């Protein structure tokens, strides 16, 4: 958020971004993802 900037905090241009991420345990990686991982790896 531009409100979190150490300088001016006015709303302008890129003014807000919110991201929530959840990750699974490596042992719980689905089979299709594991196959892709093996080939890419």
ModelCIF file with pLDDT and N, C-alpha, C, O atoms, coordinates in Angstrom:
data_MODEL
#
_entry.id   MODEL 
#
_entity.id                         1 
_entity.type                       polymer 
_entity.pdbx_number_of_molecules   1 
#
_entity_poly.entity_id                      1 
_entity_poly.type                           'polypeptide(L)' 
_entity_poly.nstd_linkage                   no 
_entity_poly.nstd_monomer                   no 
_entity_poly.pdbx_seq_one_letter_code       
;(UNK)(UNK)(UNK)(UNK)(UNK)(UNK)(UNK)(UNK)(UNK)(UNK)(UNK)(UNK)(UNK)(UNK)(UNK)(UNK)
(UNK)(UNK)(UNK)(UNK)(UNK)(UNK)(UNK)(UNK)(UNK)(UNK)(UNK)(UNK)(UNK)(UNK)(UNK)(UNK)
(UNK)(UNK)(UNK)(UNK)(UNK)(UNK)(UNK)(UNK)(UNK)
;
_entity_poly.pdbx_seq_one_letter_code_can   XXXXXXXXXXXXXXXXXXXXXXXXXXXXXXXXXXXXXXXXX 
_entity_poly.pdbx_strand_id                 A 
#
loop_
_entity_poly_seq.entity_id 
_entity_poly_seq.num 
_entity_poly_seq.mon_id 
_entity_poly_seq.hetero 
1 1  UNK n 
1 2  UNK n 
1 3  UNK n 
1 4  UNK n 
1 5  UNK n 
1 6  UNK n 
1 7  UNK n 
1 8  UNK n 
1 9  UNK n 
1 10 UNK n 
1 11 UNK n 
1 12 UNK n 
1 13 UNK n 
1 14 UNK n 
1 15 UNK n 
1 16 UNK n 
1 17 UNK n 
1 18 UNK n 
1 19 UNK n 
1 20 UNK n 
1 21 UNK n 
1 22 UNK n 
1 23 UNK n 
1 24 UNK n 
1 25 UNK n 
1 26 UNK n 
1 27 UNK n 
1 28 UNK n 
1 29 UNK n 
1 30 UNK n 
1 31 UNK n 
1 32 UNK n 
1 33 UNK n 
1 34 UNK n 
1 35 UNK n 
1 36 UNK n 
1 37 UNK n 
1 38 UNK n 
1 39 UNK n 
1 40 UNK n 
1 41 UNK n 
#
_struct_asym.id          A 
_struct_asym.entity_id   1 
#
loop_
_ma_qa_metric.id 
_ma_qa_metric.mode 
_ma_qa_metric.name 
_ma_qa_metric.software_group_id 
_ma_qa_metric.type 
1 global pLDDT . pLDDT 
2 local  pLDDT . pLDDT 
#
_ma_qa_metric_global.metric_id      1 
_ma_qa_metric_global.metric_value   80.59 
_ma_qa_metric_global.model_id       1 
_ma_qa_metric_global.ordinal_id     1 
#
loop_
_ma_qa_metric_local.label_asym_id 
_ma_qa_metric_local.label_comp_id 
_ma_qa_metric_local.label_seq_id 
_ma_qa_metric_local.metric_id 
_ma_qa_metric_local.metric_value 
_ma_qa_metric_local.model_id 
_ma_qa_metric_local.ordinal_id 
A UNK 1  2 90.00 1 1  
A UNK 2  2 87.00 1 2  
A UNK 3  2 86.00 1 3  
A UNK 4  2 90.00 1 4  
A UNK 5  2 87.00 1 5  
A UNK 6  2 85.00 1 6  
A UNK 7  2 78.00 1 7  
A UNK 8  2 67.00 1 8  
A UNK 9  2 60.00 1 9  
A UNK 10 2 68.00 1 10 
A UNK 11 2 70.00 1 11 
A UNK 12 2 79.00 1 12 
A UNK 13 2 87.00 1 13 
A UNK 14 2 89.00 1 14 
A UNK 15 2 89.00 1 15 
A UNK 16 2 91.00 1 16 
A UNK 17 2 93.00 1 17 
A UNK 18 2 94.00 1 18 
A UNK 19 2 94.00 1 19 
A UNK 20 2 93.00 1 20 
A UNK 21 2 92.00 1 21 
A UNK 22 2 89.00 1 22 
A UNK 23 2 87.00 1 23 
A UNK 24 2 83.00 1 24 
A UNK 25 2 78.00 1 25 
A UNK 26 2 75.00 1 26 
A UNK 27 2 75.00 1 27 
A UNK 28 2 75.00 1 28 
A UNK 29 2 75.00 1 29 
A UNK 30 2 76.00 1 30 
A UNK 31 2 77.00 1 31 
A UNK 32 2 75.00 1 32 
A UNK 33 2 75.00 1 33 
A UNK 34 2 74.00 1 34 
A UNK 35 2 76.00 1 35 
A UNK 36 2 77.00 1 36 
A UNK 37 2 74.00 1 37 
A UNK 38 2 74.00 1 38 
A UNK 39 2 75.00 1 39 
A UNK 40 2 75.00 1 40 
A UNK 41 2 70.00 1 41 
#
loop_
_atom_site.group_PDB 
_atom_site.id 
_atom_site.type_symbol 
_atom_site.label_atom_id 
_atom_site.label_alt_id 
_atom_site.label_comp_id 
_atom_site.label_asym_id 
_atom_site.label_entity_id 
_atom_site.label_seq_id 
_atom_site.pdbx_PDB_ins_code 
_atom_site.Cartn_x 
_atom_site.Cartn_y 
_atom_site.Cartn_z 
_atom_site.occupancy 
_atom_site.B_iso_or_equiv 
_atom_site.pdbx_formal_charge 
_atom_site.auth_seq_id 
_atom_site.auth_comp_id 
_atom_site.auth_asym_id 
_atom_site.auth_atom_id 
_atom_site.pdbx_PDB_model_num 
ATOM 1   N N  . UNK A 1 1  ? 0.845  -1.185  0.000   1.00 90.00 ? 1  UNK A N  1 
ATOM 2   C CA . UNK A 1 1  ? 0.000  0.000   0.000   1.00 90.00 ? 1  UNK A CA 1 
ATOM 3   C C  . UNK A 1 1  ? 0.881  1.235   0.000   1.00 90.00 ? 1  UNK A C  1 
ATOM 4   O O  . UNK A 1 1  ? 1.927  1.256   0.647   1.00 90.00 ? 1  UNK A O  1 
ATOM 5   N N  . UNK A 1 2  ? 0.458  2.276   -0.730  1.00 87.00 ? 2  UNK A N  1 
ATOM 6   C CA . UNK A 1 2  ? 1.241  3.509   -0.683  1.00 87.00 ? 2  UNK A CA 1 
ATOM 7   C C  . UNK A 1 2  ? 1.145  4.177   0.684   1.00 87.00 ? 2  UNK A C  1 
ATOM 8   O O  . UNK A 1 2  ? 1.970  5.024   1.024   1.00 87.00 ? 2  UNK A O  1 
ATOM 9   N N  . UNK A 1 3  ? 0.136  3.796   1.470   1.00 86.00 ? 3  UNK A N  1 
ATOM 10  C CA . UNK A 1 3  ? 0.049  4.275   2.842   1.00 86.00 ? 3  UNK A CA 1 
ATOM 11  C C  . UNK A 1 3  ? 1.234  3.809   3.679   1.00 86.00 ? 3  UNK A C  1 
ATOM 12  O O  . UNK A 1 3  ? 1.598  4.467   4.653   1.00 86.00 ? 3  UNK A O  1 
ATOM 13  N N  . UNK A 1 4  ? 1.850  2.660   3.303   1.00 90.00 ? 4  UNK A N  1 
ATOM 14  C CA . UNK A 1 4  ? 2.980  2.095   4.037   1.00 90.00 ? 4  UNK A CA 1 
ATOM 15  C C  . UNK A 1 4  ? 4.319  2.658   3.579   1.00 90.00 ? 4  UNK A C  1 
ATOM 16  O O  . UNK A 1 4  ? 5.363  2.266   4.101   1.00 90.00 ? 4  UNK A O  1 
ATOM 17  N N  . UNK A 1 5  ? 4.305  3.566   2.618   1.00 87.00 ? 5  UNK A N  1 
ATOM 18  C CA . UNK A 1 5  ? 5.556  4.161   2.142   1.00 87.00 ? 5  UNK A CA 1 
ATOM 19  C C  . UNK A 1 5  ? 6.150  5.072   3.215   1.00 87.00 ? 5  UNK A C  1 
ATOM 20  O O  . UNK A 1 5  ? 5.399  5.727   3.938   1.00 87.00 ? 5  UNK A O  1 
ATOM 21  N N  . UNK A 1 6  ? 7.486  5.131   3.337   1.00 85.00 ? 6  UNK A N  1 
ATOM 22  C CA . UNK A 1 6  ? 8.107  6.009   4.342   1.00 85.00 ? 6  UNK A CA 1 
ATOM 23  C C  . UNK A 1 6  ? 8.016  7.479   3.966   1.00 85.00 ? 6  UNK A C  1 
ATOM 24  O O  . UNK A 1 6  ? 8.238  8.342   4.815   1.00 85.00 ? 6  UNK A O  1 
ATOM 25  N N  . UNK A 1 7  ? 7.692  7.789   2.697   1.00 78.00 ? 7  UNK A N  1 
ATOM 26  C CA . UNK A 1 7  ? 7.574  9.189   2.256   1.00 78.00 ? 7  UNK A CA 1 
ATOM 27  C C  . UNK A 1 7  ? 6.099  9.572   2.273   1.00 78.00 ? 7  UNK A C  1 
ATOM 28  O O  . UNK A 1 7  ? 5.443  9.425   3.304   1.00 78.00 ? 7  UNK A O  1 
ATOM 29  N N  . UNK A 1 8  ? 5.565  10.060  1.161   1.00 67.00 ? 8  UNK A N  1 
ATOM 30  C CA . UNK A 1 8  ? 4.150  10.420  1.125   1.00 67.00 ? 8  UNK A CA 1 
ATOM 31  C C  . UNK A 1 8  ? 3.302  9.162   1.063   1.00 67.00 ? 8  UNK A C  1 
ATOM 32  O O  . UNK A 1 8  ? 3.726  8.138   0.528   1.00 67.00 ? 8  UNK A O  1 
ATOM 33  N N  . UNK A 1 9  ? 2.089  9.251   1.621   1.00 60.00 ? 9  UNK A N  1 
ATOM 34  C CA . UNK A 1 9  ? 1.214  8.089   1.656   1.00 60.00 ? 9  UNK A CA 1 
ATOM 35  C C  . UNK A 1 9  ? -0.085 8.293   0.917   1.00 60.00 ? 9  UNK A C  1 
ATOM 36  O O  . UNK A 1 9  ? -1.092 7.671   1.254   1.00 60.00 ? 9  UNK A O  1 
ATOM 37  N N  . UNK A 1 10 ? -0.085 9.163   -0.098  1.00 68.00 ? 10 UNK A N  1 
ATOM 38  C CA . UNK A 1 10 ? -1.308 9.447   -0.843  1.00 68.00 ? 10 UNK A CA 1 
ATOM 39  C C  . UNK A 1 10 ? -1.671 8.290   -1.758  1.00 68.00 ? 10 UNK A C  1 
ATOM 40  O O  . UNK A 1 10 ? -0.796 7.609   -2.291  1.00 68.00 ? 10 UNK A O  1 
ATOM 41  N N  . UNK A 1 11 ? -2.978 8.072   -1.938  1.00 70.00 ? 11 UNK A N  1 
ATOM 42  C CA . UNK A 1 11 ? -3.449 7.072   -2.896  1.00 70.00 ? 11 UNK A CA 1 
ATOM 43  C C  . UNK A 1 11 ? -3.172 7.555   -4.307  1.00 70.00 ? 11 UNK A C  1 
ATOM 44  O O  . UNK A 1 11 ? -3.679 8.598   -4.721  1.00 70.00 ? 11 UNK A O  1 
ATOM 45  N N  . UNK A 1 12 ? -2.370 6.802   -5.045  1.00 79.00 ? 12 UNK A N  1 
ATOM 46  C CA . UNK A 1 12 ? -2.095 7.121   -6.439  1.00 79.00 ? 12 UNK A CA 1 
ATOM 47  C C  . UNK A 1 12 ? -1.420 5.935   -7.108  1.00 79.00 ? 12 UNK A C  1 
ATOM 48  O O  . UNK A 1 12 ? -0.672 5.191   -6.475  1.00 79.00 ? 12 UNK A O  1 
ATOM 49  N N  . UNK A 1 13 ? -1.697 5.770   -8.402  1.00 87.00 ? 13 UNK A N  1 
ATOM 50  C CA . UNK A 1 13 ? -1.048 4.754   -9.212  1.00 87.00 ? 13 UNK A CA 1 
ATOM 51  C C  . UNK A 1 13 ? -1.301 3.352   -8.632  1.00 87.00 ? 13 UNK A C  1 
ATOM 52  O O  . UNK A 1 13 ? -2.454 2.927   -8.568  1.00 87.00 ? 13 UNK A O  1 
ATOM 53  N N  . UNK A 1 14 ? -0.255 2.623   -8.206  1.00 89.00 ? 14 UNK A N  1 
ATOM 54  C CA . UNK A 1 14 ? -0.471 1.332   -7.547  1.00 89.00 ? 14 UNK A CA 1 
ATOM 55  C C  . UNK A 1 14 ? -0.732 1.624   -6.070  1.00 89.00 ? 14 UNK A C  1 
ATOM 56  O O  . UNK A 1 14 ? 0.194  1.921   -5.316  1.00 89.00 ? 14 UNK A O  1 
ATOM 57  N N  . UNK A 1 15 ? -1.994 1.538   -5.668  1.00 89.00 ? 15 UNK A N  1 
ATOM 58  C CA . UNK A 1 15 ? -2.354 2.017   -4.334  1.00 89.00 ? 15 UNK A CA 1 
ATOM 59  C C  . UNK A 1 15 ? -2.623 0.912   -3.332  1.00 89.00 ? 15 UNK A C  1 
ATOM 60  O O  . UNK A 1 15 ? -2.557 1.158   -2.128  1.00 89.00 ? 15 UNK A O  1 
ATOM 61  N N  . UNK A 1 16 ? -2.931 -0.322  -3.793  1.00 91.00 ? 16 UNK A N  1 
ATOM 62  C CA . UNK A 1 16 ? -3.276 -1.381  -2.850  1.00 91.00 ? 16 UNK A CA 1 
ATOM 63  C C  . UNK A 1 16 ? -3.046 -2.747  -3.471  1.00 91.00 ? 16 UNK A C  1 
ATOM 64  O O  . UNK A 1 16 ? -3.423 -2.987  -4.618  1.00 91.00 ? 16 UNK A O  1 
ATOM 65  N N  . UNK A 1 17 ? -2.417 -3.654  -2.701  1.00 93.00 ? 17 UNK A N  1 
ATOM 66  C CA . UNK A 1 17 ? -2.261 -5.032  -3.126  1.00 93.00 ? 17 UNK A CA 1 
ATOM 67  C C  . UNK A 1 17 ? -2.334 -5.947  -1.922  1.00 93.00 ? 17 UNK A C  1 
ATOM 68  O O  . UNK A 1 17 ? -1.670 -5.696  -0.917  1.00 93.00 ? 17 UNK A O  1 
ATOM 69  N N  . UNK A 1 18 ? -3.131 -7.011  -2.003  1.00 94.00 ? 18 UNK A N  1 
ATOM 70  C CA . UNK A 1 18 ? -3.283 -7.966  -0.906  1.00 94.00 ? 18 UNK A CA 1 
ATOM 71  C C  . UNK A 1 18 ? -3.122 -9.368  -1.463  1.00 94.00 ? 18 UNK A C  1 
ATOM 72  O O  . UNK A 1 18 ? -3.787 -9.739  -2.431  1.00 94.00 ? 18 UNK A O  1 
ATOM 73  N N  . UNK A 1 19 ? -2.234 -10.153 -0.848  1.00 94.00 ? 19 UNK A N  1 
ATOM 74  C CA . UNK A 1 19 ? -1.931 -11.497 -1.340  1.00 94.00 ? 19 UNK A CA 1 
ATOM 75  C C  . UNK A 1 19 ? -1.951 -12.480 -0.180  1.00 94.00 ? 19 UNK A C  1 
ATOM 76  O O  . UNK A 1 19 ? -1.274 -12.271 0.827   1.00 94.00 ? 19 UNK A O  1 
ATOM 77  N N  . UNK A 1 20 ? -2.725 -13.551 -0.318  1.00 93.00 ? 20 UNK A N  1 
ATOM 78  C CA . UNK A 1 20 ? -2.770 -14.646 0.656   1.00 93.00 ? 20 UNK A CA 1 
ATOM 79  C C  . UNK A 1 20 ? -2.312 -15.919 -0.039  1.00 93.00 ? 20 UNK A C  1 
ATOM 80  O O  . UNK A 1 20 ? -2.844 -16.294 -1.083  1.00 93.00 ? 20 UNK A O  1 
ATOM 81  N N  . UNK A 1 21 ? -1.315 -16.583 0.553   1.00 92.00 ? 21 UNK A N  1 
ATOM 82  C CA . UNK A 1 21 ? -0.746 -17.790 -0.038  1.00 92.00 ? 21 UNK A CA 1 
ATOM 83  C C  . UNK A 1 21 ? -0.747 -18.922 0.966   1.00 92.00 ? 21 UNK A C  1 
ATOM 84  O O  . UNK A 1 21 ? -0.420 -18.721 2.136   1.00 92.00 ? 21 UNK A O  1 
ATOM 85  N N  . UNK A 1 22 ? -1.117 -20.123 0.514   1.00 89.00 ? 22 UNK A N  1 
ATOM 86  C CA . UNK A 1 22 ? -1.096 -21.337 1.329   1.00 89.00 ? 22 UNK A CA 1 
ATOM 87  C C  . UNK A 1 22 ? -0.276 -22.390 0.607   1.00 89.00 ? 22 UNK A C  1 
ATOM 88  O O  . UNK A 1 22 ? -0.461 -22.610 -0.590  1.00 89.00 ? 22 UNK A O  1 
ATOM 89  N N  . UNK A 1 23 ? 0.637  -23.049 1.330   1.00 87.00 ? 23 UNK A N  1 
ATOM 90  C CA . UNK A 1 23 ? 1.487  -24.089 0.751   1.00 87.00 ? 23 UNK A CA 1 
ATOM 91  C C  . UNK A 1 23 ? 1.259  -25.421 1.446   1.00 87.00 ? 23 UNK A C  1 
ATOM 92  O O  . UNK A 1 23 ? 1.097  -25.485 2.665   1.00 87.00 ? 23 UNK A O  1 
ATOM 93  N N  . UNK A 1 24 ? 1.249  -26.480 0.652   1.00 83.00 ? 24 UNK A N  1 
ATOM 94  C CA . UNK A 1 24 ? 1.099  -27.829 1.185   1.00 83.00 ? 24 UNK A CA 1 
ATOM 95  C C  . UNK A 1 24 ? 2.448  -28.392 1.623   1.00 83.00 ? 24 UNK A C  1 
ATOM 96  O O  . UNK A 1 24 ? 3.504  -27.933 1.186   1.00 83.00 ? 24 UNK A O  1 
ATOM 97  N N  . UNK A 1 25 ? 2.389  -29.388 2.489   1.00 78.00 ? 25 UNK A N  1 
ATOM 98  C CA . UNK A 1 25 ? 3.578  -30.146 2.873   1.00 78.00 ? 25 UNK A CA 1 
ATOM 99  C C  . UNK A 1 25 ? 4.140  -30.834 1.628   1.00 78.00 ? 25 UNK A C  1 
ATOM 100 O O  . UNK A 1 25 ? 3.371  -31.344 0.813   1.00 78.00 ? 25 UNK A O  1 
ATOM 101 N N  . UNK A 1 26 ? 5.486  -30.861 1.463   1.00 75.00 ? 26 UNK A N  1 
ATOM 102 C CA . UNK A 1 26 ? 6.061  -31.532 0.280   1.00 75.00 ? 26 UNK A CA 1 
ATOM 103 C C  . UNK A 1 26 ? 5.573  -32.967 0.103   1.00 75.00 ? 26 UNK A C  1 
ATOM 104 O O  . UNK A 1 26 ? 5.412  -33.422 -1.029  1.00 75.00 ? 26 UNK A O  1 
ATOM 105 N N  . UNK A 1 27 ? 5.333  -33.697 1.213   1.00 75.00 ? 27 UNK A N  1 
ATOM 106 C CA . UNK A 1 27 ? 4.858  -35.079 1.109   1.00 75.00 ? 27 UNK A CA 1 
ATOM 107 C C  . UNK A 1 27 ? 3.401  -35.156 0.659   1.00 75.00 ? 27 UNK A C  1 
ATOM 108 O O  . UNK A 1 27 ? 2.916  -36.233 0.312   1.00 75.00 ? 27 UNK A O  1 
ATOM 109 N N  . UNK A 1 28 ? 2.696  -34.012 0.663   1.00 75.00 ? 28 UNK A N  1 
ATOM 110 C CA . UNK A 1 28 ? 1.294  -33.978 0.233   1.00 75.00 ? 28 UNK A CA 1 
ATOM 111 C C  . UNK A 1 28 ? 1.155  -33.404 -1.166  1.00 75.00 ? 28 UNK A C  1 
ATOM 112 O O  . UNK A 1 28 ? 0.045  -33.081 -1.589  1.00 75.00 ? 28 UNK A O  1 
ATOM 113 N N  . UNK A 1 29 ? 2.245  -33.271 -1.885  1.00 75.00 ? 29 UNK A N  1 
ATOM 114 C CA . UNK A 1 29 ? 2.186  -32.786 -3.262  1.00 75.00 ? 29 UNK A CA 1 
ATOM 115 C C  . UNK A 1 29 ? 1.415  -33.780 -4.121  1.00 75.00 ? 29 UNK A C  1 
ATOM 116 O O  . UNK A 1 29 ? 1.737  -34.967 -4.098  1.00 75.00 ? 29 UNK A O  1 
ATOM 117 N N  . UNK A 1 30 ? 0.406  -33.344 -4.881  1.00 76.00 ? 30 UNK A N  1 
ATOM 118 C CA . UNK A 1 30 ? -0.369 -34.274 -5.707  1.00 76.00 ? 30 UNK A CA 1 
ATOM 119 C C  . UNK A 1 30 ? 0.511  -34.951 -6.762  1.00 76.00 ? 30 UNK A C  1 
ATOM 120 O O  . UNK A 1 30 ? 1.561  -34.438 -7.148  1.00 76.00 ? 30 UNK A O  1 
ATOM 121 N N  . UNK A 1 31 ? 0.047  -36.116 -7.214  1.00 77.00 ? 31 UNK A N  1 
ATOM 122 C CA . UNK A 1 31 ? 0.856  -36.914 -8.143  1.00 77.00 ? 31 UNK A CA 1 
ATOM 123 C C  . UNK A 1 31 ? 1.149  -36.164 -9.432  1.00 77.00 ? 31 UNK A C  1 
ATOM 124 O O  . UNK A 1 31 ? 2.268  -36.217 -9.941  1.00 77.00 ? 31 UNK A O  1 
ATOM 125 N N  . UNK A 1 32 ? 0.148  -35.463 -9.965  1.00 75.00 ? 32 UNK A N  1 
ATOM 126 C CA . UNK A 1 32 ? 0.365  -34.763 -11.230 1.00 75.00 ? 32 UNK A CA 1 
ATOM 127 C C  . UNK A 1 32 ? 1.413  -33.669 -11.062 1.00 75.00 ? 32 UNK A C  1 
ATOM 128 O O  . UNK A 1 32 ? 2.218  -33.428 -11.962 1.00 75.00 ? 32 UNK A O  1 
ATOM 129 N N  . UNK A 1 33 ? 1.401  -33.001 -9.897  1.00 75.00 ? 33 UNK A N  1 
ATOM 130 C CA . UNK A 1 33 ? 2.403  -31.970 -9.648  1.00 75.00 ? 33 UNK A CA 1 
ATOM 131 C C  . UNK A 1 33 ? 3.778  -32.596 -9.456  1.00 75.00 ? 33 UNK A C  1 
ATOM 132 O O  . UNK A 1 33 ? 4.786  -32.025 -9.871  1.00 75.00 ? 33 UNK A O  1 
ATOM 133 N N  . UNK A 1 34 ? 3.819  -33.778 -8.824  1.00 74.00 ? 34 UNK A N  1 
ATOM 134 C CA . UNK A 1 34 ? 5.095  -34.464 -8.633  1.00 74.00 ? 34 UNK A CA 1 
ATOM 135 C C  . UNK A 1 34 ? 5.710  -34.877 -9.968  1.00 74.00 ? 34 UNK A C  1 
ATOM 136 O O  . UNK A 1 34 ? 6.923  -34.785 -10.152 1.00 74.00 ? 34 UNK A O  1 
ATOM 137 N N  . UNK A 1 35 ? 4.870  -35.331 -10.897 1.00 76.00 ? 35 UNK A N  1 
ATOM 138 C CA . UNK A 1 35 ? 5.371  -35.722 -12.218 1.00 76.00 ? 35 UNK A CA 1 
ATOM 139 C C  . UNK A 1 35 ? 5.946  -34.510 -12.950 1.00 76.00 ? 35 UNK A C  1 
ATOM 140 O O  . UNK A 1 35 ? 7.012  -34.584 -13.561 1.00 76.00 ? 35 UNK A O  1 
ATOM 141 N N  . UNK A 1 36 ? 5.217  -33.393 -12.877 1.00 77.00 ? 36 UNK A N  1 
ATOM 142 C CA . UNK A 1 36 ? 5.739  -32.176 -13.502 1.00 77.00 ? 36 UNK A CA 1 
ATOM 143 C C  . UNK A 1 36 ? 7.035  -31.754 -12.831 1.00 77.00 ? 36 UNK A C  1 
ATOM 144 O O  . UNK A 1 36 ? 7.983  -31.347 -13.503 1.00 77.00 ? 36 UNK A O  1 
ATOM 145 N N  . UNK A 1 37 ? 7.081  -31.851 -11.492 1.00 74.00 ? 37 UNK A N  1 
ATOM 146 C CA . UNK A 1 37 ? 8.286  -31.474 -10.750 1.00 74.00 ? 37 UNK A CA 1 
ATOM 147 C C  . UNK A 1 37 ? 9.478  -32.316 -11.172 1.00 74.00 ? 37 UNK A C  1 
ATOM 148 O O  . UNK A 1 37 ? 10.580 -31.795 -11.346 1.00 74.00 ? 37 UNK A O  1 
ATOM 149 N N  . UNK A 1 38 ? 9.260  -33.622 -11.339 1.00 74.00 ? 38 UNK A N  1 
ATOM 150 C CA . UNK A 1 38 ? 10.357 -34.510 -11.728 1.00 74.00 ? 38 UNK A CA 1 
ATOM 151 C C  . UNK A 1 38 ? 10.924 -34.125 -13.097 1.00 74.00 ? 38 UNK A C  1 
ATOM 152 O O  . UNK A 1 38 ? 12.139 -34.070 -13.282 1.00 74.00 ? 38 UNK A O  1 
ATOM 153 N N  . UNK A 1 39 ? 10.026 -33.859 -14.051 1.00 75.00 ? 39 UNK A N  1 
ATOM 154 C CA . UNK A 1 39 ? 10.490 -33.521 -15.397 1.00 75.00 ? 39 UNK A CA 1 
ATOM 155 C C  . UNK A 1 39 ? 11.188 -32.166 -15.421 1.00 75.00 ? 39 UNK A C  1 
ATOM 156 O O  . UNK A 1 39 ? 12.258 -32.016 -16.013 1.00 75.00 ? 39 UNK A O  1 
ATOM 157 N N  . UNK A 1 40 ? 10.571 -31.184 -14.773 1.00 75.00 ? 40 UNK A N  1 
ATOM 158 C CA . UNK A 1 40 ? 11.191 -29.857 -14.733 1.00 75.00 ? 40 UNK A CA 1 
ATOM 159 C C  . UNK A 1 40 ? 12.483 -29.879 -13.938 1.00 75.00 ? 40 UNK A C  1 
ATOM 160 O O  . UNK A 1 40 ? 13.465 -29.243 -14.320 1.00 75.00 ? 40 UNK A O  1 
ATOM 161 N N  . UNK A 1 41 ? 12.482 -30.616 -12.828 1.00 70.00 ? 41 UNK A N  1 
ATOM 162 C CA . UNK A 1 41 ? 13.668 -30.660 -11.982 1.00 70.00 ? 41 UNK A CA 1 
ATOM 163 C C  . UNK A 1 41 ? 14.880 -31.212 -12.695 1.00 70.00 ? 41 UNK A C  1 
ATOM 164 O O  . UNK A 1 41 ? 15.954 -31.308 -12.101 1.00 70.00 ? 41 UNK A O  1 
#
